[in-house]
């Protein structure tokens, strides 16, 4: 399943010139770049860590709402598209880079005291990205999904998880994993 036609006409020549695999990679890269361009000014406009985190989550989901058919298509590509050698065409390093950037933001605002010091920024960034990355599958299953509601709920959830104050209790000795 390829993205809706409005993204294809300018790229049709690529299909003939470089092949289907490169066309798919180019379409994914273009959508990611458009998402970053959509989100960056909204996040950068916020002066606080709380505002930046909320803008990050809400603008990411707003972009998905405005590009619903493309996001569903990218989900299909990420899960199914394979090169001739069987490797995935979707480059998951894009997601790793998103987690790393978010981790830096969380750690920075932990350092300023605006976010709670008692959480691991990498784990929190991974959880935030996982919640956001779950949305295209939900969009594919439910065309009536109210993504604005989900954006607000996720922003509220991660605000509560990162706000300063009392840290949640740690696991009891019987609940600790073997690695601890």
C-alpha atoms as a PDB file:
ATOM      1  CA  UNK A   1       0.000   0.000   0.000  1.00  0.00           C
ATOM      2  CA  UNK A   2       1.626   3.280  -1.120  1.00  0.00           C
ATOM      3  CA  UNK A   3       0.873   6.770   0.206  1.00  0.00           C
ATOM      4  CA  UNK A   4      -2.002   8.807  -1.159  1.00  0.00           C
ATOM      5  CA  UNK A   5      -1.422  10.197  -4.658  1.00  0.00           C
ATOM      6  CA  UNK A   6      -0.603  13.788  -3.653  1.00  0.00           C
ATOM      7  CA  UNK A   7       2.922  12.777  -2.619  1.00  0.00           C
ATOM      8  CA  UNK A   8       3.563  10.609  -5.688  1.00  0.00           C
ATOM      9  CA  UNK A   9       3.414  12.787  -8.821  1.00  0.00           C
ATOM     10  CA  UNK A  10       6.658  14.646  -8.084  1.00  0.00           C
ATOM     11  CA  UNK A  11       8.363  11.348  -7.316  1.00  0.00           C
ATOM     12  CA  UNK A  12       7.062   9.202 -10.183  1.00  0.00           C
ATOM     13  CA  UNK A  13      10.300   9.724 -12.124  1.00  0.00           C
ATOM     14  CA  UNK A  14      12.229   8.137  -9.234  1.00  0.00           C
ATOM     15  CA  UNK A  15      10.436   4.846  -9.718  1.00  0.00           C
ATOM     16  CA  UNK A  16      11.809   4.551 -13.226  1.00  0.00           C
ATOM     17  CA  UNK A  17      15.200   6.019 -12.401  1.00  0.00           C
ATOM     18  CA  UNK A  18      16.126   4.211  -9.184  1.00  0.00           C
ATOM     19  CA  UNK A  19      13.608   1.447  -8.631  1.00  0.00           C
ATOM     20  CA  UNK A  20      10.856   0.616  -6.199  1.00  0.00           C
ATOM     21  CA  UNK A  21      13.102   0.102  -3.149  1.00  0.00           C
ATOM     22  CA  UNK A  22      14.701   3.524  -3.454  1.00  0.00           C
ATOM     23  CA  UNK A  23      11.315   5.139  -4.143  1.00  0.00           C
ATOM     24  CA  UNK A  24       9.926   3.666  -0.918  1.00  0.00           C
ATOM     25  CA  UNK A  25      12.971   4.826   1.052  1.00  0.00           C
ATOM     26  CA  UNK A  26      12.625   8.298  -0.470  1.00  0.00           C
ATOM     27  CA  UNK A  27       8.914   8.518   0.388  1.00  0.00           C
ATOM     28  CA  UNK A  28       9.597   7.503   3.993  1.00  0.00           C
ATOM     29  CA  UNK A  29      12.480   9.979   4.289  1.00  0.00           C
ATOM     30  CA  UNK A  30      10.317  12.750   2.844  1.00  0.00           C
ATOM     31  CA  UNK A  31       7.494  12.085   5.307  1.00  0.00           C
ATOM     32  CA  UNK A  32       9.936  12.022   8.234  1.00  0.00           C
ATOM     33  CA  UNK A  33      11.486  15.320   7.073  1.00  0.00           C
ATOM     34  CA  UNK A  34       8.028  16.893   6.753  1.00  0.00           C
ATOM     35  CA  UNK A  35       7.170  15.681  10.255  1.00  0.00           C
ATOM     36  CA  UNK A  36      10.334  17.212  11.699  1.00  0.00           C
ATOM     37  CA  UNK A  37       9.676  20.485   9.847  1.00  0.00           C
ATOM     38  CA  UNK A  38       6.124  20.524  11.242  1.00  0.00           C
ATOM     39  CA  UNK A  39       7.162  19.772  14.833  1.00  0.00           C
ATOM     40  CA  UNK A  40      10.379  21.769  15.288  1.00  0.00           C
ATOM     41  CA  UNK A  41       8.923  25.292  15.299  1.00  0.00           C
ATOM     42  CA  UNK A  42       6.179  24.229  17.705  1.00  0.00           C
ATOM     43  CA  UNK A  43       8.624  22.625  20.123  1.00  0.00           C
ATOM     44  CA  UNK A  44      11.178  25.436  19.784  1.00  0.00           C
ATOM     45  CA  UNK A  45       8.499  28.072  20.506  1.00  0.00           C
ATOM     46  CA  UNK A  46       7.982  26.664  24.001  1.00  0.00           C
ATOM     47  CA  UNK A  47      10.275  28.168  26.649  1.00  0.00           C
ATOM     48  CA  UNK A  48       9.863  25.432  29.288  1.00  0.00           C
ATOM     49  CA  UNK A  49      10.584  21.722  29.434  1.00  0.00           C
ATOM     50  CA  UNK A  50       6.941  20.997  30.210  1.00  0.00           C
ATOM     51  CA  UNK A  51       5.861  23.074  27.208  1.00  0.00           C
ATOM     52  CA  UNK A  52       8.441  21.485  24.921  1.00  0.00           C
ATOM     53  CA  UNK A  53       7.439  17.948  25.922  1.00  0.00           C
ATOM     54  CA  UNK A  54       3.730  18.730  25.441  1.00  0.00           C
ATOM     55  CA  UNK A  55       4.440  20.394  22.072  1.00  0.00           C
ATOM     56  CA  UNK A  56       6.580  17.418  21.024  1.00  0.00           C
ATOM     57  CA  UNK A  57       3.792  14.926  21.723  1.00  0.00           C
ATOM     58  CA  UNK A  58       0.859  17.024  20.529  1.00  0.00           C
ATOM     59  CA  UNK A  59       2.538  18.279  17.345  1.00  0.00           C
ATOM     60  CA  UNK A  60       3.709  14.776  16.465  1.00  0.00           C
ATOM     61  CA  UNK A  61       0.161  13.463  16.711  1.00  0.00           C
ATOM     62  CA  UNK A  62      -1.262  16.546  14.966  1.00  0.00           C
ATOM     63  CA  UNK A  63       1.074  15.833  12.052  1.00  0.00           C
ATOM     64  CA  UNK A  64      -0.233  12.268  11.993  1.00  0.00           C
ATOM     65  CA  UNK A  65      -3.821  13.543  11.992  1.00  0.00           C
ATOM     66  CA  UNK A  66      -3.074  15.868   9.074  1.00  0.00           C
ATOM     67  CA  UNK A  67      -1.228  13.103   7.190  1.00  0.00           C
ATOM     68  CA  UNK A  68      -3.344  10.132   8.223  1.00  0.00           C
ATOM     69  CA  UNK A  69      -3.228   8.189   4.951  1.00  0.00           C
ATOM     70  CA  UNK A  70       0.531   8.695   4.640  1.00  0.00           C
ATOM     71  CA  UNK A  71       1.118   7.518   8.207  1.00  0.00           C
ATOM     72  CA  UNK A  72      -0.923   4.367   7.620  1.00  0.00           C
ATOM     73  CA  UNK A  73       1.029   3.738   4.402  1.00  0.00           C
ATOM     74  CA  UNK A  74       4.345   4.167   6.216  1.00  0.00           C
ATOM     75  CA  UNK A  75       3.163   1.656   8.825  1.00  0.00           C
ATOM     76  CA  UNK A  76       2.484  -0.838   6.042  1.00  0.00           C
ATOM     77  CA  UNK A  77       5.911  -0.175   4.550  1.00  0.00           C
ATOM     78  CA  UNK A  78       7.703  -0.449   7.888  1.00  0.00           C
ATOM     79  CA  UNK A  79       6.063  -3.768   8.664  1.00  0.00           C
ATOM     80  CA  UNK A  80       6.051  -5.378   5.240  1.00  0.00           C
ATOM     81  CA  UNK A  81       8.298  -3.874   2.568  1.00  0.00           C
ATOM     82  CA  UNK A  82      11.420  -5.932   1.859  1.00  0.00           C
ATOM     83  CA  UNK A  83      14.341  -5.485  -0.473  1.00  0.00           C
ATOM     84  CA  UNK A  84      15.352  -8.267  -2.869  1.00  0.00           C
ATOM     85  CA  UNK A  85      17.746  -9.631  -0.231  1.00  0.00           C
ATOM     86  CA  UNK A  86      14.915  -9.873   2.324  1.00  0.00           C
ATOM     87  CA  UNK A  87      16.037  -6.936   4.470  1.00  0.00           C
ATOM     88  CA  UNK A  88      13.494  -4.342   5.627  1.00  0.00           C
ATOM     89  CA  UNK A  89      13.216  -1.208   3.533  1.00  0.00           C
ATOM     90  CA  UNK A  90      12.271   0.903   6.538  1.00  0.00           C
ATOM     91  CA  UNK A  91      15.326   2.263   8.326  1.00  0.00           C
ATOM     92  CA  UNK A  92      14.606   1.940  12.041  1.00  0.00           C
ATOM     93  CA  UNK A  93      17.593   4.173  12.847  1.00  0.00           C
ATOM     94  CA  UNK A  94      15.144   7.068  12.341  1.00  0.00           C
ATOM     95  CA  UNK A  95      13.322   5.887  15.457  1.00  0.00           C
ATOM     96  CA  UNK A  96      16.603   5.497  17.362  1.00  0.00           C
ATOM     97  CA  UNK A  97      17.526   9.082  16.492  1.00  0.00           C
ATOM     98  CA  UNK A  98      14.128  10.281  17.726  1.00  0.00           C
ATOM     99  CA  UNK A  99      14.603   8.488  21.041  1.00  0.00           C
ATOM    100  CA  UNK A 100      18.126   9.921  21.410  1.00  0.00           C
ATOM    101  CA  UNK A 101      16.977  13.505  20.774  1.00  0.00           C
ATOM    102  CA  UNK A 102      14.082  13.153  23.197  1.00  0.00           C
ATOM    103  CA  UNK A 103      16.406  11.577  25.771  1.00  0.00           C
ATOM    104  CA  UNK A 104      18.670  14.652  25.559  1.00  0.00           C
ATOM    105  CA  UNK A 105      15.710  16.985  26.088  1.00  0.00           C
ATOM    106  CA  UNK A 106      14.517  15.000  29.110  1.00  0.00           C
ATOM    107  CA  UNK A 107      18.000  14.837  30.652  1.00  0.00           C
ATOM    108  CA  UNK A 108      18.528  18.570  30.121  1.00  0.00           C
ATOM    109  CA  UNK A 109      15.330  19.480  31.946  1.00  0.00           C
ATOM    110  CA  UNK A 110      16.094  16.977  34.679  1.00  0.00           C
ATOM    111  CA  UNK A 111      19.318  18.944  35.160  1.00  0.00           C
ATOM    112  CA  UNK A 112      17.419  22.221  35.480  1.00  0.00           C
ATOM    113  CA  UNK A 113      15.056  20.680  38.023  1.00  0.00           C
ATOM    114  CA  UNK A 114      12.013  21.141  35.812  1.00  0.00           C
ATOM    115  CA  UNK A 115      11.623  17.365  35.406  1.00  0.00           C
ATOM    116  CA  UNK A 116      11.797  14.789  38.165  1.00  0.00           C
ATOM    117  CA  UNK A 117      15.313  13.502  38.683  1.00  0.00           C
ATOM    118  CA  UNK A 118      14.260   9.947  39.539  1.00  0.00           C
ATOM    119  CA  UNK A 119      13.574   8.568  36.061  1.00  0.00           C
ATOM    120  CA  UNK A 120      15.915   7.197  33.419  1.00  0.00           C
ATOM    121  CA  UNK A 121      15.721   9.601  30.425  1.00  0.00           C
ATOM    122  CA  UNK A 122      16.361   6.779  27.934  1.00  0.00           C
ATOM    123  CA  UNK A 123      13.545   4.629  29.329  1.00  0.00           C
ATOM    124  CA  UNK A 124      11.164   7.616  29.420  1.00  0.00           C
ATOM    125  CA  UNK A 125      12.099   8.668  25.857  1.00  0.00           C
ATOM    126  CA  UNK A 126      11.561   5.097  24.654  1.00  0.00           C
ATOM    127  CA  UNK A 127       8.144   4.983  26.353  1.00  0.00           C
ATOM    128  CA  UNK A 128       7.097   8.317  24.834  1.00  0.00           C
ATOM    129  CA  UNK A 129       8.193   7.269  21.326  1.00  0.00           C
ATOM    130  CA  UNK A 130       6.474   3.886  21.720  1.00  0.00           C
ATOM    131  CA  UNK A 131       3.207   5.603  22.655  1.00  0.00           C
ATOM    132  CA  UNK A 132       3.495   7.944  19.665  1.00  0.00           C
ATOM    133  CA  UNK A 133       4.588   5.174  17.292  1.00  0.00           C
ATOM    134  CA  UNK A 134       1.527   3.123  18.259  1.00  0.00           C
ATOM    135  CA  UNK A 135      -0.790   5.721  16.721  1.00  0.00           C
ATOM    136  CA  UNK A 136      -0.470   4.843  13.004  1.00  0.00           C
ATOM    137  CA  UNK A 137      -1.649   1.277  13.707  1.00  0.00           C
ATOM    138  CA  UNK A 138      -4.608   2.674  15.628  1.00  0.00           C
ATOM    139  CA  UNK A 139      -5.334   5.073  12.759  1.00  0.00           C
ATOM    140  CA  UNK A 140      -5.309   2.136  10.340  1.00  0.00           C
ATOM    141  CA  UNK A 141      -7.790   0.181  12.462  1.00  0.00           C
ATOM    142  CA  UNK A 142     -10.084   3.058  13.427  1.00  0.00           C
ATOM    143  CA  UNK A 143     -10.779   5.768  10.829  1.00  0.00           C
ATOM    144  CA  UNK A 144     -12.901   7.653  13.402  1.00  0.00           C
ATOM    145  CA  UNK A 145     -10.112   7.778  15.994  1.00  0.00           C
ATOM    146  CA  UNK A 146     -10.012  11.153  17.745  1.00  0.00           C
ATOM    147  CA  UNK A 147      -6.278  11.742  17.636  1.00  0.00           C
ATOM    148  CA  UNK A 148      -6.480  15.140  19.366  1.00  0.00           C
ATOM    149  CA  UNK A 149      -7.909  13.440  22.432  1.00  0.00           C
ATOM    150  CA  UNK A 150      -5.097  10.881  22.383  1.00  0.00           C
ATOM    151  CA  UNK A 151      -2.515  13.663  22.012  1.00  0.00           C
ATOM    152  CA  UNK A 152      -3.827  15.516  25.065  1.00  0.00           C
ATOM    153  CA  UNK A 153      -4.043  12.332  27.133  1.00  0.00           C
ATOM    154  CA  UNK A 154      -0.503  11.259  26.233  1.00  0.00           C
ATOM    155  CA  UNK A 155       0.858  14.750  26.941  1.00  0.00           C
ATOM    156  CA  UNK A 156      -0.891  14.736  30.331  1.00  0.00           C
ATOM    157  CA  UNK A 157       0.342  11.219  31.119  1.00  0.00           C
ATOM    158  CA  UNK A 158       3.982  12.058  30.400  1.00  0.00           C
ATOM    159  CA  UNK A 159       3.688  15.402  32.184  1.00  0.00           C
ATOM    160  CA  UNK A 160       2.638  13.524  35.325  1.00  0.00           C
ATOM    161  CA  UNK A 161       5.427  10.979  34.810  1.00  0.00           C
ATOM    162  CA  UNK A 162       8.119  13.655  34.516  1.00  0.00           C
ATOM    163  CA  UNK A 163       6.976  16.359  36.929  1.00  0.00           C
ATOM    164  CA  UNK A 164       9.122  17.022  39.939  1.00  0.00           C
ATOM    165  CA  UNK A 165       8.025  15.851  43.314  1.00  0.00           C
ATOM    166  CA  UNK A 166       7.892  12.570  45.066  1.00  0.00           C
ATOM    167  CA  UNK A 167       9.273   9.690  43.040  1.00  0.00           C
ATOM    168  CA  UNK A 168       7.235   6.511  42.854  1.00  0.00           C
ATOM    169  CA  UNK A 169       8.338   3.809  45.279  1.00  0.00           C
ATOM    170  CA  UNK A 170      10.979   1.428  43.991  1.00  0.00           C
ATOM    171  CA  UNK A 171      10.322  -2.289  43.607  1.00  0.00           C
ATOM    172  CA  UNK A 172      10.402  -4.456  46.694  1.00  0.00           C
ATOM    173  CA  UNK A 173      13.232  -6.969  46.973  1.00  0.00           C
ATOM    174  CA  UNK A 174      10.952  -9.734  45.685  1.00  0.00           C
ATOM    175  CA  UNK A 175      10.045  -7.702  42.572  1.00  0.00           C
ATOM    176  CA  UNK A 176      13.596  -6.828  41.484  1.00  0.00           C
ATOM    177  CA  UNK A 177      14.785  -8.307  38.228  1.00  0.00           C
ATOM    178  CA  UNK A 178      17.789 -10.663  38.217  1.00  0.00           C
ATOM    179  CA  UNK A 179      19.988  -7.973  36.604  1.00  0.00           C
ATOM    180  CA  UNK A 180      19.634  -5.649  39.603  1.00  0.00           C
END
